[in-house]
Amino acid sequence: MAFVYILKCSDDSYYVGSTTDLTKRIEEHNNGLGANYTKKKLPVKLVYYEECQSIETAFERERQIHGWSRKKKEALISNMHEKLPELSKRYT
């Protein structure tokens, strides 16, 4: 089991990551042991996560979400999945 997750940082930015131990990883972020990006924006708060079958699948999903706009990430966080297609950069 693995997870892809979104953190909200103290400056209101979002950080997307993946892990096999969500609780431990969030703790690491908040202790300054996470990514360089989050070290400068503590504390962070978990606002979204998905379970994935493997760390490879979680990493693929992480890369997908990284490319999304802030509005599209917020629609995902708010469970407004019906808005995701219209918020896609490639949507016509």
PDB file of N, CA and C in Angstrom:
ATOM      1  N   MET A   1       0.840  -1.176   0.000  1.00  0.00           N
ATOM      2  CA  MET A   1       0.000   0.000   0.000  1.00  0.00           C
ATOM      3  C   MET A   1       0.887   1.242   0.000  1.00  0.00           C
ATOM      4  N   ALA A   2       0.473   2.234  -0.773  1.00  0.00           N
ATOM      5  CA  ALA A   2       1.201   3.502  -0.855  1.00  0.00           C
ATOM      6  C   ALA A   2       0.185   4.632  -0.940  1.00  0.00           C
ATOM      7  N   PHE A   3       0.679   5.835  -0.832  1.00  0.00           N
ATOM      8  CA  PHE A   3      -0.201   7.008  -0.810  1.00  0.00           C
ATOM      9  C   PHE A   3       0.393   8.136  -1.643  1.00  0.00           C
ATOM     10  N   VAL A   4      -0.486   8.892  -2.265  1.00  0.00           N
ATOM     11  CA  VAL A   4      -0.139  10.196  -2.815  1.00  0.00           C
ATOM     12  C   VAL A   4      -0.884  11.195  -1.942  1.00  0.00           C
ATOM     13  N   TYR A   5      -0.243  12.311  -1.627  1.00  0.00           N
ATOM     14  CA  TYR A   5      -0.844  13.243  -0.680  1.00  0.00           C
ATOM     15  C   TYR A   5      -0.581  14.686  -1.086  1.00  0.00           C
ATOM     16  N   ILE A   6      -1.424  15.568  -0.562  1.00  0.00           N
ATOM     17  CA  ILE A   6      -1.244  17.004  -0.761  1.00  0.00           C
ATOM     18  C   ILE A   6      -1.200  17.660   0.612  1.00  0.00           C
ATOM     19  N   LEU A   7      -0.181  18.476   0.814  1.00  0.00           N
ATOM     20  CA  LEU A   7      -0.034  19.251   2.040  1.00  0.00           C
ATOM     21  C   LEU A   7      -0.313  20.716   1.737  1.00  0.00           C
ATOM     22  N   LYS A   8      -0.921  21.394   2.679  1.00  0.00           N
ATOM     23  CA  LYS A   8      -1.043  22.845   2.587  1.00  0.00           C
ATOM     24  C   LYS A   8       0.022  23.425   3.501  1.00  0.00           C
ATOM     25  N   CYS A   9       0.867  24.269   2.949  1.00  0.00           N
ATOM     26  CA  CYS A   9       1.978  24.848   3.694  1.00  0.00           C
ATOM     27  C   CYS A   9       1.549  26.143   4.375  1.00  0.00           C
ATOM     28  N   SER A  10       2.388  26.625   5.274  1.00  0.00           N
ATOM     29  CA  SER A  10       2.064  27.829   6.053  1.00  0.00           C
ATOM     30  C   SER A  10       1.883  29.068   5.182  1.00  0.00           C
ATOM     31  N   ASP A  11       2.435  29.063   3.978  1.00  0.00           N
ATOM     32  CA  ASP A  11       2.265  30.201   3.069  1.00  0.00           C
ATOM     33  C   ASP A  11       1.097  29.995   2.098  1.00  0.00           C
ATOM     34  N   ASP A  12       0.253  28.996   2.386  1.00  0.00           N
ATOM     35  CA  ASP A  12      -0.922  28.631   1.582  1.00  0.00           C
ATOM     36  C   ASP A  12      -0.585  27.972   0.239  1.00  0.00           C
ATOM     37  N   SER A  13       0.655  27.600   0.031  1.00  0.00           N
ATOM     38  CA  SER A  13       0.997  26.849  -1.173  1.00  0.00           C
ATOM     39  C   SER A  13       0.727  25.367  -0.917  1.00  0.00           C
ATOM     40  N   TYR A  14       0.738  24.589  -1.993  1.00  0.00           N
ATOM     41  CA  TYR A  14       0.503  23.155  -1.885  1.00  0.00           C
ATOM     42  C   TYR A  14       1.770  22.386  -2.234  1.00  0.00           C
ATOM     43  N   TYR A  15       1.946  21.267  -1.547  1.00  0.00           N
ATOM     44  CA  TYR A  15       3.052  20.356  -1.828  1.00  0.00           C
ATOM     45  C   TYR A  15       2.437  18.987  -2.089  1.00  0.00           C
ATOM     46  N   VAL A  16       2.855  18.337  -3.162  1.00  0.00           N
ATOM     47  CA  VAL A  16       2.353  17.006  -3.515  1.00  0.00           C
ATOM     48  C   VAL A  16       3.489  16.009  -3.347  1.00  0.00           C
ATOM     49  N   GLY A  17       3.206  14.896  -2.677  1.00  0.00           N
ATOM     50  CA  GLY A  17       4.213  13.870  -2.467  1.00  0.00           C
ATOM     51  C   GLY A  17       3.620  12.478  -2.484  1.00  0.00           C
ATOM     52  N   SER A  18       4.491  11.484  -2.357  1.00  0.00           N
ATOM     53  CA  SER A  18       4.050  10.089  -2.287  1.00  0.00           C
ATOM     54  C   SER A  18       4.908   9.372  -1.255  1.00  0.00           C
ATOM     55  N   THR A  19       4.333   8.332  -0.653  1.00  0.00           N
ATOM     56  CA  THR A  19       5.012   7.605   0.418  1.00  0.00           C
ATOM     57  C   THR A  19       4.347   6.257   0.652  1.00  0.00           C
ATOM     58  N   THR A  20       5.029   5.407   1.401  1.00  0.00           N
ATOM     59  CA  THR A  20       4.423   4.148   1.831  1.00  0.00           C
ATOM     60  C   THR A  20       3.946   4.234   3.277  1.00  0.00           C
ATOM     61  N   ASP A  21       4.329   5.295   3.992  1.00  0.00           N
ATOM     62  CA  ASP A  21       3.919   5.475   5.388  1.00  0.00           C
ATOM     63  C   ASP A  21       3.486   6.929   5.580  1.00  0.00           C
ATOM     64  N   LEU A  22       2.211   7.176   5.403  1.00  0.00           N
ATOM     65  CA  LEU A  22       1.686   8.542   5.400  1.00  0.00           C
ATOM     66  C   LEU A  22       1.893   9.252   6.737  1.00  0.00           C
ATOM     67  N   THR A  23       1.571   8.599   7.832  1.00  0.00           N
ATOM     68  CA  THR A  23       1.705   9.223   9.153  1.00  0.00           C
ATOM     69  C   THR A  23       3.154   9.621   9.420  1.00  0.00           C
ATOM     70  N   LYS A  24       4.059   8.715   9.153  1.00  0.00           N
ATOM     71  CA  LYS A  24       5.487   8.994   9.378  1.00  0.00           C
ATOM     72  C   LYS A  24       5.961  10.134   8.479  1.00  0.00           C
ATOM     73  N   ARG A  25       5.526  10.135   7.234  1.00  0.00           N
ATOM     74  CA  ARG A  25       5.991  11.158   6.285  1.00  0.00           C
ATOM     75  C   ARG A  25       5.503  12.546   6.674  1.00  0.00           C
ATOM     76  N   ILE A  26       4.258  12.674   7.113  1.00  0.00           N
ATOM     77  CA  ILE A  26       3.740  13.976   7.539  1.00  0.00           C
ATOM     78  C   ILE A  26       4.523  14.460   8.752  1.00  0.00           C
ATOM     79  N   GLU A  27       4.802  13.554   9.663  1.00  0.00           N
ATOM     80  CA  GLU A  27       5.603  13.889  10.845  1.00  0.00           C
ATOM     81  C   GLU A  27       6.997  14.368  10.427  1.00  0.00           C
ATOM     82  N   GLU A  28       7.597  13.680   9.470  1.00  0.00           N
ATOM     83  CA  GLU A  28       8.914  14.096   8.973  1.00  0.00           C
ATOM     84  C   GLU A  28       8.854  15.500   8.393  1.00  0.00           C
ATOM     85  N   HIS A  29       7.836  15.769   7.586  1.00  0.00           N
ATOM     86  CA  HIS A  29       7.692  17.115   7.010  1.00  0.00           C
ATOM     87  C   HIS A  29       7.627  18.163   8.120  1.00  0.00           C
ATOM     88  N   ASN A  30       6.782  17.934   9.104  1.00  0.00           N
ATOM     89  CA  ASN A  30       6.594  18.932  10.163  1.00  0.00           C
ATOM     90  C   ASN A  30       7.790  19.046  11.110  1.00  0.00           C
ATOM     91  N   ASN A  31       8.685  18.049  11.093  1.00  0.00           N
ATOM     92  CA  ASN A  31       9.914  18.118  11.878  1.00  0.00           C
ATOM     93  C   ASN A  31      11.089  18.643  11.060  1.00  0.00           C
ATOM     94  N   GLY A  32      10.808  19.146   9.857  1.00  0.00           N
ATOM     95  CA  GLY A  32      11.863  19.695   9.015  1.00  0.00           C
ATOM     96  C   GLY A  32      12.711  18.659   8.320  1.00  0.00           C
ATOM     97  N   LEU A  33      12.246  17.402   8.308  1.00  0.00           N
ATOM     98  CA  LEU A  33      12.999  16.311   7.692  1.00  0.00           C
ATOM     99  C   LEU A  33      12.426  15.912   6.335  1.00  0.00           C
ATOM    100  N   GLY A  34      11.441  16.650   5.859  1.00  0.00           N
ATOM    101  CA  GLY A  34      10.819  16.347   4.576  1.00  0.00           C
ATOM    102  C   GLY A  34      11.560  17.023   3.441  1.00  0.00           C
ATOM    103  N   ALA A  35      10.859  17.371   2.424  1.00  0.00           N
ATOM    104  CA  ALA A  35      11.441  18.011   1.252  1.00  0.00           C
ATOM    105  C   ALA A  35      11.958  19.408   1.591  1.00  0.00           C
ATOM    106  N   ASN A  36      12.941  19.866   0.827  1.00  0.00           N
ATOM    107  CA  ASN A  36      13.464  21.218   1.015  1.00  0.00           C
ATOM    108  C   ASN A  36      12.351  22.257   0.909  1.00  0.00           C
ATOM    109  N   TYR A  37      11.393  22.010   0.023  1.00  0.00           N
ATOM    110  CA  TYR A  37      10.292  22.962  -0.166  1.00  0.00           C
ATOM    111  C   TYR A  37       9.509  23.157   1.123  1.00  0.00           C
ATOM    112  N   THR A  38       9.165  22.071   1.797  1.00  0.00           N
ATOM    113  CA  THR A  38       8.334  22.189   2.999  1.00  0.00           C
ATOM    114  C   THR A  38       9.111  22.668   4.211  1.00  0.00           C
ATOM    115  N   LYS A  39      10.413  22.465   4.234  1.00  0.00           N
ATOM    116  CA  LYS A  39      11.237  22.900   5.378  1.00  0.00           C
ATOM    117  C   LYS A  39      11.082  24.398   5.637  1.00  0.00           C
ATOM    118  N   LYS A  40      10.891  25.154   4.563  1.00  0.00           N
ATOM    119  CA  LYS A  40      10.819  26.611   4.655  1.00  0.00           C
ATOM    120  C   LYS A  40       9.390  27.109   4.871  1.00  0.00           C
ATOM    121  N   LYS A  41       8.418  26.198   4.916  1.00  0.00           N
ATOM    122  CA  LYS A  41       7.014  26.593   4.939  1.00  0.00           C
ATOM    123  C   LYS A  41       6.229  25.854   6.019  1.00  0.00           C
ATOM    124  N   LEU A  42       6.864  25.655   7.163  1.00  0.00           N
ATOM    125  CA  LEU A  42       6.238  24.922   8.267  1.00  0.00           C
ATOM    126  C   LEU A  42       5.341  25.829   9.098  1.00  0.00           C
ATOM    127  N   PRO A  43       4.318  25.265   9.712  1.00  0.00           N
ATOM    128  CA  PRO A  43       3.929  23.852   9.655  1.00  0.00           C
ATOM    129  C   PRO A  43       3.139  23.556   8.389  1.00  0.00           C
ATOM    130  N   VAL A  44       3.058  22.272   8.070  1.00  0.00           N
ATOM    131  CA  VAL A  44       2.241  21.821   6.947  1.00  0.00           C
ATOM    132  C   VAL A  44       1.055  21.025   7.481  1.00  0.00           C
ATOM    133  N   LYS A  45       0.002  20.994   6.691  1.00  0.00           N
ATOM    134  CA  LYS A  45      -1.219  20.290   7.091  1.00  0.00           C
ATOM    135  C   LYS A  45      -1.656  19.375   5.946  1.00  0.00           C
ATOM    136  N   LEU A  46      -1.952  18.127   6.274  1.00  0.00           N
ATOM    137  CA  LEU A  46      -2.459  17.188   5.282  1.00  0.00           C
ATOM    138  C   LEU A  46      -3.869  17.603   4.893  1.00  0.00           C
ATOM    139  N   VAL A  47      -4.090  17.850   3.592  1.00  0.00           N
ATOM    140  CA  VAL A  47      -5.420  18.255   3.139  1.00  0.00           C
ATOM    141  C   VAL A  47      -6.050  17.233   2.189  1.00  0.00           C
ATOM    142  N   TYR A  48      -5.243  16.266   1.703  1.00  0.00           N
ATOM    143  CA  TYR A  48      -5.780  15.281   0.767  1.00  0.00           C
ATOM    144  C   TYR A  48      -4.822  14.098   0.682  1.00  0.00           C
ATOM    145  N   TYR A  49      -5.387  12.908   0.521  1.00  0.00           N
ATOM    146  CA  TYR A  49      -4.560  11.747   0.199  1.00  0.00           C
ATOM    147  C   TYR A  49      -5.393  10.714  -0.536  1.00  0.00           C
ATOM    148  N   GLU A  50      -4.699   9.888  -1.302  1.00  0.00           N
ATOM    149  CA  GLU A  50      -5.298   8.753  -2.013  1.00  0.00           C
ATOM    150  C   GLU A  50      -4.456   7.520  -1.720  1.00  0.00           C
ATOM    151  N   GLU A  51      -5.105   6.386  -1.577  1.00  0.00           N
ATOM    152  CA  GLU A  51      -4.394   5.116  -1.468  1.00  0.00           C
ATOM    153  C   GLU A  51      -4.107   4.603  -2.874  1.00  0.00           C
ATOM    154  N   CYS A  52      -2.932   4.022  -3.047  1.00  0.00           N
ATOM    155  CA  CYS A  52      -2.526   3.445  -4.328  1.00  0.00           C
ATOM    156  C   CYS A  52      -2.042   2.016  -4.093  1.00  0.00           C
ATOM    157  N   GLN A  53      -2.039   1.226  -5.138  1.00  0.00           N
ATOM    158  CA  GLN A  53      -1.634  -0.176  -5.023  1.00  0.00           C
ATOM    159  C   GLN A  53      -0.142  -0.343  -4.782  1.00  0.00           C
ATOM    160  N   SER A  54       0.662   0.577  -5.290  1.00  0.00           N
ATOM    161  CA  SER A  54       2.119   0.462  -5.155  1.00  0.00           C
ATOM    162  C   SER A  54       2.725   1.853  -5.091  1.00  0.00           C
ATOM    163  N   ILE A  55       3.977   1.931  -4.673  1.00  0.00           N
ATOM    164  CA  ILE A  55       4.667   3.218  -4.623  1.00  0.00           C
ATOM    165  C   ILE A  55       4.879   3.751  -6.045  1.00  0.00           C
ATOM    166  N   GLU A  56       5.035   2.855  -7.008  1.00  0.00           N
ATOM    167  CA  GLU A  56       5.189   3.285  -8.396  1.00  0.00           C
ATOM    168  C   GLU A  56       3.921   3.977  -8.889  1.00  0.00           C
ATOM    169  N   THR A  57       2.759   3.404  -8.560  1.00  0.00           N
ATOM    170  CA  THR A  57       1.483   4.003  -8.943  1.00  0.00           C
ATOM    171  C   THR A  57       1.293   5.346  -8.233  1.00  0.00           C
ATOM    172  N   ALA A  58       1.656   5.397  -6.962  1.00  0.00           N
ATOM    173  CA  ALA A  58       1.546   6.639  -6.204  1.00  0.00           C
ATOM    174  C   ALA A  58       2.444   7.717  -6.796  1.00  0.00           C
ATOM    175  N   PHE A  59       3.653   7.339  -7.200  1.00  0.00           N
ATOM    176  CA  PHE A  59       4.576   8.302  -7.790  1.00  0.00           C
ATOM    177  C   PHE A  59       4.043   8.814  -9.126  1.00  0.00           C
ATOM    178  N   GLU A  60       3.462   7.927  -9.927  1.00  0.00           N
ATOM    179  CA  GLU A  60       2.866   8.346 -11.203  1.00  0.00           C
ATOM    180  C   GLU A  60       1.741   9.346 -10.965  1.00  0.00           C
ATOM    181  N   ARG A  61       0.897   9.070  -9.989  1.00  0.00           N
ATOM    182  CA  ARG A  61      -0.207   9.977  -9.659  1.00  0.00           C
ATOM    183  C   ARG A  61       0.337  11.308  -9.130  1.00  0.00           C
ATOM    184  N   GLU A  62       1.385  11.253  -8.321  1.00  0.00           N
ATOM    185  CA  GLU A  62       2.025  12.472  -7.821  1.00  0.00           C
ATOM    186  C   GLU A  62       2.484  13.346  -8.983  1.00  0.00           C
ATOM    187  N   ARG A  63       3.156  12.743  -9.943  1.00  0.00           N
ATOM    188  CA  ARG A  63       3.653  13.489 -11.110  1.00  0.00           C
ATOM    189  C   ARG A  63       2.496  14.107 -11.886  1.00  0.00           C
ATOM    190  N   GLN A  64       1.378  13.388 -11.989  1.00  0.00           N
ATOM    191  CA  GLN A  64       0.208  13.913 -12.684  1.00  0.00           C
ATOM    192  C   GLN A  64      -0.316  15.151 -11.968  1.00  0.00           C
ATOM    193  N   ILE A  65      -0.498  15.061 -10.669  1.00  0.00           N
ATOM    194  CA  ILE A  65      -1.061  16.163  -9.885  1.00  0.00           C
ATOM    195  C   ILE A  65      -0.112  17.362  -9.858  1.00  0.00           C
ATOM    196  N   HIS A  66       1.191  17.110  -9.876  1.00  0.00           N
ATOM    197  CA  HIS A  66       2.180  18.203  -9.903  1.00  0.00           C
ATOM    198  C   HIS A  66       1.902  19.167 -11.048  1.00  0.00           C
ATOM    199  N   GLY A  67       1.474  18.638 -12.176  1.00  0.00           N
ATOM    200  CA  GLY A  67       1.250  19.469 -13.351  1.00  0.00           C
ATOM    201  C   GLY A  67      -0.056  20.244 -13.347  1.00  0.00           C
ATOM    202  N   TRP A  68      -0.865  20.038 -12.351  1.00  0.00           N
ATOM    203  CA  TRP A  68      -2.176  20.675 -12.301  1.00  0.00           C
ATOM    204  C   TRP A  68      -2.089  22.102 -11.775  1.00  0.00           C
ATOM    205  N   SER A  69      -3.054  22.892 -12.171  1.00  0.00           N
ATOM    206  CA  SER A  69      -3.169  24.256 -11.655  1.00  0.00           C
ATOM    207  C   SER A  69      -3.621  24.227 -10.196  1.00  0.00           C
ATOM    208  N   ARG A  70      -3.470  25.341  -9.535  1.00  0.00           N
ATOM    209  CA  ARG A  70      -3.927  25.447  -8.149  1.00  0.00           C
ATOM    210  C   ARG A  70      -5.432  25.180  -8.055  1.00  0.00           C
ATOM    211  N   LYS A  71      -6.202  25.736  -8.985  1.00  0.00           N
ATOM    212  CA  LYS A  71      -7.662  25.548  -8.951  1.00  0.00           C
ATOM    213  C   LYS A  71      -8.032  24.080  -9.121  1.00  0.00           C
ATOM    214  N   LYS A  72      -7.311  23.374  -9.975  1.00  0.00           N
ATOM    215  CA  LYS A  72      -7.614  21.960 -10.190  1.00  0.00           C
ATOM    216  C   LYS A  72      -7.256  21.150  -8.943  1.00  0.00           C
ATOM    217  N   LYS A  73      -6.128  21.467  -8.304  1.00  0.00           N
ATOM    218  CA  LYS A  73      -5.770  20.794  -7.050  1.00  0.00           C
ATOM    219  C   LYS A  73      -6.826  21.060  -5.981  1.00  0.00           C
ATOM    220  N   GLU A  74      -7.308  22.280  -5.917  1.00  0.00           N
ATOM    221  CA  GLU A  74      -8.330  22.616  -4.913  1.00  0.00           C
ATOM    222  C   GLU A  74      -9.646  21.901  -5.185  1.00  0.00           C
ATOM    223  N   ALA A  75      -9.987  21.681  -6.451  1.00  0.00           N
ATOM    224  CA  ALA A  75     -11.186  20.907  -6.777  1.00  0.00           C
ATOM    225  C   ALA A  75     -11.023  19.462  -6.306  1.00  0.00           C
ATOM    226  N   LEU A  76      -9.831  18.900  -6.490  1.00  0.00           N
ATOM    227  CA  LEU A  76      -9.554  17.540  -6.013  1.00  0.00           C
ATOM    228  C   LEU A  76      -9.657  17.481  -4.492  1.00  0.00           C
ATOM    229  N   ILE A  77      -9.037  18.424  -3.813  1.00  0.00           N
ATOM    230  CA  ILE A  77      -9.062  18.480  -2.348  1.00  0.00           C
ATOM    231  C   ILE A  77     -10.492  18.599  -1.837  1.00  0.00           C
ATOM    232  N   SER A  78     -11.315  19.376  -2.536  1.00  0.00           N
ATOM    233  CA  SER A  78     -12.704  19.615  -2.131  1.00  0.00           C
ATOM    234  C   SER A  78     -13.661  18.527  -2.598  1.00  0.00           C
ATOM    235  N   ASN A  79     -13.110  17.476  -3.222  1.00  0.00           N
ATOM    236  CA  ASN A  79     -13.914  16.357  -3.705  1.00  0.00           C
ATOM    237  C   ASN A  79     -14.925  16.799  -4.765  1.00  0.00           C
ATOM    238  N   MET A  80     -14.527  17.762  -5.582  1.00  0.00           N
ATOM    239  CA  MET A  80     -15.379  18.255  -6.666  1.00  0.00           C
ATOM    240  C   MET A  80     -14.848  17.698  -7.993  1.00  0.00           C
ATOM    241  N   HIS A  81     -14.893  16.381  -8.095  1.00  0.00           N
ATOM    242  CA  HIS A  81     -14.308  15.668  -9.226  1.00  0.00           C
ATOM    243  C   HIS A  81     -14.950  16.052 -10.556  1.00  0.00           C
ATOM    244  N   GLU A  82     -16.202  16.457 -10.535  1.00  0.00           N
ATOM    245  CA  GLU A  82     -16.881  16.840 -11.775  1.00  0.00           C
ATOM    246  C   GLU A  82     -16.254  18.081 -12.407  1.00  0.00           C
ATOM    247  N   LYS A  83     -15.523  18.886 -11.644  1.00  0.00           N
ATOM    248  CA  LYS A  83     -14.884  20.096 -12.167  1.00  0.00           C
ATOM    249  C   LYS A  83     -13.499  19.836 -12.758  1.00  0.00           C
ATOM    250  N   LEU A  84     -12.939  18.669 -12.502  1.00  0.00           N
ATOM    251  CA  LEU A  84     -11.575  18.395 -12.944  1.00  0.00           C
ATOM    252  C   LEU A  84     -11.398  18.507 -14.457  1.00  0.00           C
ATOM    253  N   PRO A  85     -12.294  17.949 -15.277  1.00  0.00           N
ATOM    254  CA  PRO A  85     -12.086  18.076 -16.728  1.00  0.00           C
ATOM    255  C   PRO A  85     -12.079  19.522 -17.213  1.00  0.00           C
ATOM    256  N   GLU A  86     -12.971  20.332 -16.717  1.00  0.00           N
ATOM    257  CA  GLU A  86     -13.029  21.723 -17.196  1.00  0.00           C
ATOM    258  C   GLU A  86     -11.845  22.555 -16.708  1.00  0.00           C
ATOM    259  N   LEU A  87     -11.163  22.100 -15.668  1.00  0.00           N
ATOM    260  CA  LEU A  87      -9.995  22.809 -15.145  1.00  0.00           C
ATOM    261  C   LEU A  87      -8.691  22.310 -15.769  1.00  0.00           C
ATOM    262  N   SER A  88      -8.814  21.326 -16.643  1.00  0.00           N
ATOM    263  CA  SER A  88      -7.641  20.791 -17.316  1.00  0.00           C
ATOM    264  C   SER A  88      -7.098  21.807 -18.297  1.00  0.00           C
ATOM    265  N   LYS A  89      -5.771  21.928 -18.374  1.00  0.00           N
ATOM    266  CA  LYS A  89      -5.137  22.852 -19.316  1.00  0.00           C
ATOM    267  C   LYS A  89      -5.456  22.481 -20.767  1.00  0.00           C
ATOM    268  N   ARG A  90      -5.664  21.195 -21.006  1.00  0.00           N
ATOM    269  CA  ARG A  90      -5.921  20.714 -22.363  1.00  0.00           C
ATOM    270  C   ARG A  90      -7.407  20.675 -22.709  1.00  0.00           C
ATOM    271  N   TYR A  91      -8.252  21.071 -21.769  1.00  0.00           N
ATOM    272  CA  TYR A  91      -9.692  21.027 -21.997  1.00  0.00           C
ATOM    273  C   TYR A  91     -10.084  22.013 -23.087  1.00  0.00           C
ATOM    274  N   THR A  92     -10.908  21.565 -24.049  1.00  0.00           N
ATOM    275  CA  THR A  92     -11.367  22.461 -25.113  1.00  0.00           C
ATOM    276  C   THR A  92     -12.865  22.467 -25.187  1.00  0.00           C
TER     277      THR A  92
END
